[in-house]
Amino acid sequence: MRKPATVLFVLFLLIAKSSFAQIDSTGLKNAMQQLDKALLQKDETVLKSILHKDLSYGHSNGWIQSKSDILNDFTSGKLTYNKIENNSSAIIVITKEYATVKTNTNAEGVVNGTVFNLKLHIMQFWIKTKKYGWQLIARQSAKQ
C-alpha cells in the first residue's frame, strides 16, 4: 500500500518542478523584454535592477562595457539604440539559478555620432538573484 502513495508523491514532485520551471521561463522572458525596452528608452531605473553589478557586456567589435559604463554611456548620449529586434526562435536553457540565451538580433542605433545597423548572434548569461530576480551578468555578440 505504501508504493502507490510513494509513486503519487514522486509524480506530484515532478509536476511541481515542471510548474516552477515554467514560472522561471516566463520570468526570464519578461526580464529579456524589459532589458530591450530599457535599452531603447534609456530607462536607468530598470537597467539598474536588471543588470548585475558584475556585468560584462560584450559588443561585436570587441568593446566591453560594465554596468556603470552602460549607465554612463546612455546618460552622456554616447550610445543610443533605435531598434532591437530579436529572432523569435531563441534557444533558452534554464536551471534553478542561471539561464543561457542564444538568439539572433537586428540592432540599430548611434554610437559616438555614427549610425549602426547590425545583424548579430547574441549569447546572454542570466542569474537569478533573491533581490532582483533574473539579472543579466554576461552578454557577448558576434556579427552574422
N, C-alpha and C. Protein backbone atom coordinates (compact mmCIF):
# COMPACT_ATOMS: atom_id res chain seq x y z
N MET A 1 0.80 -1.20 0.00
CA MET A 1 0.00 0.00 0.00
C MET A 1 0.84 1.26 0.00
N ARG A 2 2.02 1.21 0.51
CA ARG A 2 2.88 2.38 0.56
C ARG A 2 3.39 2.76 -0.83
N LYS A 3 3.56 1.80 -1.70
CA LYS A 3 4.13 2.08 -3.02
C LYS A 3 3.27 3.04 -3.83
N PRO A 4 1.94 2.86 -3.89
CA PRO A 4 1.14 3.84 -4.64
C PRO A 4 1.26 5.25 -4.07
N ALA A 5 1.34 5.38 -2.76
CA ALA A 5 1.48 6.70 -2.15
C ALA A 5 2.83 7.30 -2.51
N THR A 6 3.89 6.49 -2.54
CA THR A 6 5.22 6.96 -2.91
C THR A 6 5.24 7.39 -4.37
N VAL A 7 4.63 6.59 -5.22
CA VAL A 7 4.57 6.92 -6.65
C VAL A 7 3.81 8.22 -6.85
N LEU A 8 2.68 8.38 -6.17
CA LEU A 8 1.91 9.62 -6.29
C LEU A 8 2.71 10.82 -5.79
N PHE A 9 3.44 10.64 -4.71
CA PHE A 9 4.26 11.73 -4.17
C PHE A 9 5.35 12.14 -5.17
N VAL A 10 6.03 11.15 -5.76
CA VAL A 10 7.08 11.44 -6.76
C VAL A 10 6.46 12.12 -7.97
N LEU A 11 5.31 11.64 -8.41
CA LEU A 11 4.62 12.26 -9.54
C LEU A 11 4.26 13.70 -9.23
N PHE A 12 3.78 13.95 -8.02
CA PHE A 12 3.46 15.31 -7.60
C PHE A 12 4.71 16.20 -7.63
N LEU A 13 5.83 15.70 -7.14
CA LEU A 13 7.07 16.48 -7.16
C LEU A 13 7.50 16.82 -8.58
N LEU A 14 7.39 15.87 -9.49
CA LEU A 14 7.76 16.12 -10.89
C LEU A 14 6.86 17.18 -11.51
N ILE A 15 5.58 17.11 -11.22
CA ILE A 15 4.64 18.11 -11.75
C ILE A 15 4.95 19.48 -11.15
N ALA A 16 5.20 19.52 -9.86
CA ALA A 16 5.53 20.79 -9.20
C ALA A 16 6.80 21.37 -9.77
N LYS A 17 7.82 20.54 -9.98
CA LYS A 17 9.08 21.03 -10.55
C LYS A 17 8.84 21.60 -11.94
N SER A 18 8.04 20.93 -12.74
CA SER A 18 7.72 21.41 -14.08
C SER A 18 7.01 22.75 -14.02
N SER A 19 6.09 22.92 -13.09
CA SER A 19 5.37 24.19 -12.94
C SER A 19 6.31 25.32 -12.58
N PHE A 20 7.25 25.05 -11.66
CA PHE A 20 8.19 26.09 -11.26
C PHE A 20 9.10 26.47 -12.42
N ALA A 21 9.50 25.52 -13.24
CA ALA A 21 10.36 25.82 -14.39
C ALA A 21 9.63 26.73 -15.36
N GLN A 22 8.32 26.50 -15.54
CA GLN A 22 7.55 27.35 -16.43
C GLN A 22 7.50 28.78 -15.89
N ILE A 23 7.34 28.93 -14.58
CA ILE A 23 7.31 30.26 -13.98
C ILE A 23 8.66 30.94 -14.21
N ASP A 24 9.76 30.22 -14.01
CA ASP A 24 11.09 30.78 -14.23
C ASP A 24 11.26 31.18 -15.69
N SER A 25 10.76 30.38 -16.60
CA SER A 25 10.86 30.69 -18.03
C SER A 25 10.12 31.99 -18.35
N THR A 26 8.94 32.13 -17.80
CA THR A 26 8.16 33.35 -18.01
C THR A 26 8.89 34.55 -17.42
N GLY A 27 9.43 34.38 -16.22
CA GLY A 27 10.17 35.47 -15.58
C GLY A 27 11.38 35.89 -16.39
N LEU A 28 12.10 34.91 -16.94
CA LEU A 28 13.28 35.21 -17.75
C LEU A 28 12.87 35.94 -19.03
N LYS A 29 11.85 35.45 -19.69
CA LYS A 29 11.39 36.11 -20.93
C LYS A 29 10.94 37.54 -20.65
N ASN A 30 10.28 37.75 -19.52
CA ASN A 30 9.89 39.11 -19.13
C ASN A 30 11.12 39.98 -18.90
N ALA A 31 12.13 39.42 -18.23
CA ALA A 31 13.36 40.18 -17.97
C ALA A 31 14.05 40.54 -19.29
N MET A 32 14.07 39.61 -20.24
CA MET A 32 14.68 39.89 -21.54
C MET A 32 13.95 41.03 -22.25
N GLN A 33 12.63 41.01 -22.21
CA GLN A 33 11.85 42.08 -22.83
C GLN A 33 12.06 43.41 -22.12
N GLN A 34 12.13 43.37 -20.79
CA GLN A 34 12.38 44.60 -20.02
C GLN A 34 13.74 45.18 -20.35
N LEU A 35 14.73 44.32 -20.53
CA LEU A 35 16.07 44.79 -20.88
C LEU A 35 16.05 45.52 -22.21
N ASP A 36 15.47 44.90 -23.23
CA ASP A 36 15.42 45.54 -24.55
C ASP A 36 14.68 46.86 -24.50
N LYS A 37 13.55 46.88 -23.81
CA LYS A 37 12.76 48.11 -23.69
C LYS A 37 13.54 49.19 -22.95
N ALA A 38 14.24 48.80 -21.88
CA ALA A 38 15.03 49.77 -21.09
C ALA A 38 16.20 50.31 -21.91
N LEU A 39 16.83 49.47 -22.73
CA LEU A 39 17.92 49.93 -23.59
C LEU A 39 17.41 50.93 -24.63
N LEU A 40 16.24 50.65 -25.18
CA LEU A 40 15.65 51.56 -26.18
C LEU A 40 15.21 52.89 -25.56
N GLN A 41 14.66 52.81 -24.36
CA GLN A 41 14.12 54.01 -23.71
C GLN A 41 15.08 54.67 -22.73
N LYS A 42 16.29 54.10 -22.62
CA LYS A 42 17.29 54.61 -21.68
C LYS A 42 16.71 54.71 -20.26
N ASP A 43 16.01 53.66 -19.87
CA ASP A 43 15.35 53.62 -18.57
C ASP A 43 16.35 53.17 -17.51
N GLU A 44 16.95 54.15 -16.86
CA GLU A 44 18.03 53.90 -15.89
C GLU A 44 17.54 53.07 -14.70
N THR A 45 16.32 53.28 -14.25
CA THR A 45 15.79 52.55 -13.10
C THR A 45 15.72 51.06 -13.40
N VAL A 46 15.17 50.70 -14.55
CA VAL A 46 15.07 49.29 -14.93
C VAL A 46 16.47 48.71 -15.17
N LEU A 47 17.32 49.46 -15.85
CA LEU A 47 18.68 48.96 -16.11
C LEU A 47 19.43 48.69 -14.81
N LYS A 48 19.27 49.54 -13.83
CA LYS A 48 19.96 49.34 -12.56
C LYS A 48 19.53 48.04 -11.89
N SER A 49 18.28 47.65 -12.05
CA SER A 49 17.80 46.43 -11.39
C SER A 49 18.02 45.17 -12.23
N ILE A 50 18.04 45.30 -13.53
CA ILE A 50 18.12 44.11 -14.38
C ILE A 50 19.56 43.75 -14.77
N LEU A 51 20.47 44.71 -14.68
CA LEU A 51 21.89 44.44 -14.97
C LEU A 51 22.60 44.12 -13.66
N HIS A 52 23.30 42.99 -13.64
CA HIS A 52 24.03 42.57 -12.45
C HIS A 52 25.21 43.50 -12.20
N LYS A 53 25.59 43.67 -10.95
CA LYS A 53 26.70 44.56 -10.59
C LYS A 53 28.02 44.13 -11.23
N ASP A 54 28.19 42.85 -11.54
CA ASP A 54 29.42 42.34 -12.14
C ASP A 54 29.29 42.10 -13.65
N LEU A 55 28.38 42.81 -14.28
CA LEU A 55 28.09 42.62 -15.70
C LEU A 55 29.31 42.79 -16.60
N SER A 56 29.40 41.92 -17.60
CA SER A 56 30.35 42.06 -18.72
C SER A 56 29.50 42.02 -19.99
N TYR A 57 29.39 43.18 -20.68
CA TYR A 57 28.51 43.34 -21.83
C TYR A 57 29.37 43.53 -23.07
N GLY A 58 29.59 42.45 -23.81
CA GLY A 58 30.49 42.48 -24.96
C GLY A 58 29.76 42.75 -26.26
N HIS A 59 30.33 43.65 -27.05
CA HIS A 59 29.80 44.01 -28.37
C HIS A 59 30.60 43.28 -29.45
N SER A 60 30.04 43.25 -30.65
CA SER A 60 30.65 42.51 -31.75
C SER A 60 31.98 43.11 -32.23
N ASN A 61 32.26 44.35 -31.87
CA ASN A 61 33.52 44.99 -32.28
C ASN A 61 34.61 44.86 -31.21
N GLY A 62 34.33 44.09 -30.15
CA GLY A 62 35.32 43.90 -29.09
C GLY A 62 35.16 44.84 -27.92
N TRP A 63 34.28 45.82 -28.02
CA TRP A 63 34.02 46.78 -26.95
C TRP A 63 33.31 46.06 -25.80
N ILE A 64 33.83 46.19 -24.60
CA ILE A 64 33.25 45.56 -23.41
C ILE A 64 32.80 46.67 -22.45
N GLN A 65 31.57 46.55 -21.98
CA GLN A 65 31.04 47.52 -21.03
C GLN A 65 30.70 46.83 -19.70
N SER A 66 30.85 47.60 -18.62
CA SER A 66 30.37 47.18 -17.31
C SER A 66 28.98 47.79 -17.12
N LYS A 67 28.37 47.49 -16.01
CA LYS A 67 27.07 48.09 -15.70
C LYS A 67 27.18 49.60 -15.64
N SER A 68 28.18 50.11 -14.95
CA SER A 68 28.33 51.57 -14.84
C SER A 68 28.66 52.20 -16.20
N ASP A 69 29.40 51.49 -17.05
CA ASP A 69 29.68 52.01 -18.40
C ASP A 69 28.39 52.20 -19.19
N ILE A 70 27.52 51.19 -19.13
CA ILE A 70 26.25 51.28 -19.85
C ILE A 70 25.44 52.47 -19.35
N LEU A 71 25.31 52.59 -18.05
CA LEU A 71 24.52 53.69 -17.48
C LEU A 71 25.13 55.05 -17.86
N ASN A 72 26.45 55.17 -17.77
CA ASN A 72 27.12 56.43 -18.12
C ASN A 72 26.99 56.75 -19.61
N ASP A 73 27.12 55.73 -20.47
CA ASP A 73 27.05 55.96 -21.91
C ASP A 73 25.66 56.39 -22.36
N PHE A 74 24.62 55.89 -21.68
CA PHE A 74 23.28 56.34 -22.00
C PHE A 74 23.05 57.77 -21.53
N THR A 75 23.52 58.07 -20.34
CA THR A 75 23.35 59.41 -19.79
C THR A 75 24.09 60.44 -20.63
N SER A 76 25.28 60.11 -21.08
CA SER A 76 26.10 61.05 -21.86
C SER A 76 25.65 61.17 -23.31
N GLY A 77 24.85 60.21 -23.78
CA GLY A 77 24.43 60.23 -25.17
C GLY A 77 25.41 59.52 -26.09
N LYS A 78 26.44 58.89 -25.54
CA LYS A 78 27.43 58.17 -26.35
C LYS A 78 26.77 57.05 -27.16
N LEU A 79 25.78 56.40 -26.57
CA LEU A 79 25.12 55.26 -27.20
C LEU A 79 23.62 55.40 -27.13
N THR A 80 22.97 55.19 -28.27
CA THR A 80 21.52 55.21 -28.36
C THR A 80 21.08 54.04 -29.22
N TYR A 81 20.15 53.25 -28.71
CA TYR A 81 19.54 52.19 -29.52
C TYR A 81 18.22 52.71 -30.08
N ASN A 82 18.01 52.51 -31.38
CA ASN A 82 16.75 52.90 -32.02
C ASN A 82 15.87 51.69 -32.28
N LYS A 83 16.49 50.51 -32.39
CA LYS A 83 15.74 49.29 -32.68
C LYS A 83 16.52 48.09 -32.13
N ILE A 84 15.82 47.22 -31.45
CA ILE A 84 16.36 45.93 -31.03
C ILE A 84 15.28 44.91 -31.36
N GLU A 85 15.58 44.06 -32.32
CA GLU A 85 14.59 43.10 -32.79
C GLU A 85 15.18 41.69 -32.69
N ASN A 86 14.68 40.91 -31.74
CA ASN A 86 15.19 39.55 -31.52
C ASN A 86 14.41 38.54 -32.34
N ASN A 87 15.13 37.54 -32.83
CA ASN A 87 14.54 36.42 -33.52
C ASN A 87 13.66 35.66 -32.52
N SER A 88 12.49 35.26 -32.94
CA SER A 88 11.56 34.59 -32.02
C SER A 88 11.98 33.17 -31.68
N SER A 89 12.97 32.63 -32.37
CA SER A 89 13.39 31.25 -32.11
C SER A 89 14.65 31.20 -31.24
N ALA A 90 14.65 31.94 -30.16
CA ALA A 90 15.79 31.92 -29.23
C ALA A 90 15.92 30.54 -28.60
N ILE A 91 17.16 30.16 -28.32
CA ILE A 91 17.43 28.92 -27.61
C ILE A 91 17.70 29.29 -26.16
N ILE A 92 16.83 28.83 -25.27
CA ILE A 92 16.92 29.18 -23.86
C ILE A 92 17.11 27.90 -23.04
N VAL A 93 18.12 27.92 -22.20
CA VAL A 93 18.36 26.81 -21.27
C VAL A 93 18.31 27.40 -19.87
N ILE A 94 17.40 26.87 -19.05
CA ILE A 94 17.19 27.41 -17.71
C ILE A 94 17.43 26.34 -16.66
N THR A 95 18.16 26.73 -15.63
CA THR A 95 18.26 25.91 -14.42
C THR A 95 17.66 26.73 -13.29
N LYS A 96 17.78 26.23 -12.12
CA LYS A 96 17.23 26.92 -10.95
C LYS A 96 17.90 28.27 -10.71
N GLU A 97 19.22 28.35 -10.98
CA GLU A 97 19.99 29.53 -10.62
C GLU A 97 20.50 30.36 -11.79
N TYR A 98 20.54 29.79 -12.99
CA TYR A 98 21.05 30.56 -14.13
C TYR A 98 20.36 30.13 -15.42
N ALA A 99 20.54 30.94 -16.44
CA ALA A 99 19.98 30.64 -17.76
C ALA A 99 20.92 31.16 -18.83
N THR A 100 20.96 30.44 -19.94
CA THR A 100 21.67 30.93 -21.12
C THR A 100 20.65 31.17 -22.22
N VAL A 101 20.91 32.20 -23.00
CA VAL A 101 20.03 32.55 -24.11
C VAL A 101 20.89 32.78 -25.33
N LYS A 102 20.56 32.09 -26.43
CA LYS A 102 21.23 32.30 -27.71
C LYS A 102 20.17 32.76 -28.69
N THR A 103 20.41 33.89 -29.33
CA THR A 103 19.43 34.42 -30.26
C THR A 103 20.13 35.23 -31.35
N ASN A 104 19.39 35.49 -32.41
CA ASN A 104 19.85 36.41 -33.46
C ASN A 104 19.06 37.70 -33.30
N THR A 105 19.75 38.82 -33.47
CA THR A 105 19.14 40.13 -33.22
C THR A 105 19.53 41.11 -34.31
N ASN A 106 18.59 41.95 -34.66
CA ASN A 106 18.87 43.11 -35.51
C ASN A 106 18.88 44.33 -34.59
N ALA A 107 19.96 45.08 -34.61
CA ALA A 107 20.08 46.25 -33.75
C ALA A 107 20.45 47.47 -34.58
N GLU A 108 19.78 48.57 -34.29
CA GLU A 108 20.07 49.85 -34.96
C GLU A 108 20.23 50.91 -33.89
N GLY A 109 21.12 51.86 -34.16
CA GLY A 109 21.32 52.94 -33.22
C GLY A 109 22.44 53.85 -33.64
N VAL A 110 22.96 54.58 -32.65
CA VAL A 110 24.04 55.53 -32.89
C VAL A 110 25.04 55.40 -31.75
N VAL A 111 26.33 55.29 -32.11
CA VAL A 111 27.39 55.28 -31.10
C VAL A 111 28.42 56.33 -31.51
N ASN A 112 28.69 57.24 -30.61
CA ASN A 112 29.63 58.34 -30.88
C ASN A 112 29.30 59.08 -32.18
N GLY A 113 28.02 59.28 -32.44
CA GLY A 113 27.59 60.01 -33.63
C GLY A 113 27.56 59.19 -34.91
N THR A 114 27.95 57.93 -34.86
CA THR A 114 27.97 57.07 -36.04
C THR A 114 26.80 56.08 -35.98
N VAL A 115 26.00 56.08 -37.05
CA VAL A 115 24.84 55.20 -37.13
C VAL A 115 25.31 53.77 -37.37
N PHE A 116 24.67 52.82 -36.70
CA PHE A 116 24.96 51.40 -36.95
C PHE A 116 23.67 50.63 -37.19
N ASN A 117 23.79 49.60 -38.01
CA ASN A 117 22.71 48.68 -38.31
C ASN A 117 23.34 47.31 -38.39
N LEU A 118 23.13 46.48 -37.38
CA LEU A 118 23.85 45.21 -37.26
C LEU A 118 22.92 44.02 -37.14
N LYS A 119 23.33 42.93 -37.76
CA LYS A 119 22.69 41.63 -37.57
C LYS A 119 23.66 40.83 -36.72
N LEU A 120 23.19 40.39 -35.55
CA LEU A 120 24.08 39.81 -34.56
C LEU A 120 23.63 38.43 -34.08
N HIS A 121 24.61 37.60 -33.73
CA HIS A 121 24.39 36.40 -32.92
C HIS A 121 24.68 36.86 -31.49
N ILE A 122 23.78 36.59 -30.58
CA ILE A 122 23.97 37.04 -29.19
C ILE A 122 23.86 35.87 -28.23
N MET A 123 24.77 35.85 -27.26
CA MET A 123 24.74 34.87 -26.17
C MET A 123 24.64 35.66 -24.88
N GLN A 124 23.63 35.36 -24.08
CA GLN A 124 23.44 36.02 -22.79
C GLN A 124 23.50 34.98 -21.68
N PHE A 125 24.02 35.40 -20.53
CA PHE A 125 24.05 34.57 -19.34
C PHE A 125 23.34 35.34 -18.24
N TRP A 126 22.27 34.77 -17.73
CA TRP A 126 21.44 35.39 -16.70
C TRP A 126 21.56 34.59 -15.41
N ILE A 127 21.53 35.28 -14.28
CA ILE A 127 21.48 34.59 -13.00
C ILE A 127 20.24 35.06 -12.24
N LYS A 128 19.73 34.19 -11.40
CA LYS A 128 18.55 34.53 -10.62
C LYS A 128 18.99 34.93 -9.22
N THR A 129 18.64 36.15 -8.85
CA THR A 129 19.01 36.67 -7.54
C THR A 129 17.76 36.80 -6.67
N LYS A 130 17.97 36.74 -5.38
CA LYS A 130 16.83 36.87 -4.45
C LYS A 130 16.23 38.26 -4.48
N LYS A 131 17.07 39.27 -4.60
CA LYS A 131 16.60 40.65 -4.51
C LYS A 131 15.93 41.14 -5.79
N TYR A 132 16.52 40.83 -6.96
CA TYR A 132 16.03 41.40 -8.22
C TYR A 132 15.43 40.38 -9.19
N GLY A 133 15.49 39.11 -8.88
CA GLY A 133 15.04 38.11 -9.85
C GLY A 133 16.11 37.91 -10.90
N TRP A 134 15.73 37.72 -12.15
CA TRP A 134 16.69 37.48 -13.23
C TRP A 134 17.50 38.74 -13.53
N GLN A 135 18.82 38.59 -13.53
CA GLN A 135 19.73 39.69 -13.87
C GLN A 135 20.73 39.22 -14.92
N LEU A 136 20.99 40.08 -15.87
CA LEU A 136 21.99 39.80 -16.90
C LEU A 136 23.37 40.01 -16.30
N ILE A 137 24.22 38.96 -16.37
CA ILE A 137 25.58 39.08 -15.83
C ILE A 137 26.62 39.04 -16.95
N ALA A 138 26.27 38.45 -18.09
CA ALA A 138 27.23 38.41 -19.20
C ALA A 138 26.47 38.38 -20.53
N ARG A 139 27.05 39.05 -21.51
CA ARG A 139 26.48 39.10 -22.85
C ARG A 139 27.63 39.28 -23.83
N GLN A 140 27.58 38.54 -24.93
CA GLN A 140 28.56 38.69 -25.99
C GLN A 140 27.86 38.57 -27.32
N SER A 141 28.26 39.39 -28.28
CA SER A 141 27.67 39.32 -29.61
C SER A 141 28.75 39.16 -30.66
N ALA A 142 28.35 38.62 -31.80
CA ALA A 142 29.21 38.49 -32.97
C ALA A 142 28.37 38.82 -34.20
N LYS A 143 28.98 39.43 -35.19
CA LYS A 143 28.25 39.77 -36.41
C LYS A 143 27.86 38.50 -37.16
N GLN A 144 26.65 38.52 -37.74
CA GLN A 144 26.19 37.38 -38.55
C GLN A 144 26.88 37.38 -39.89
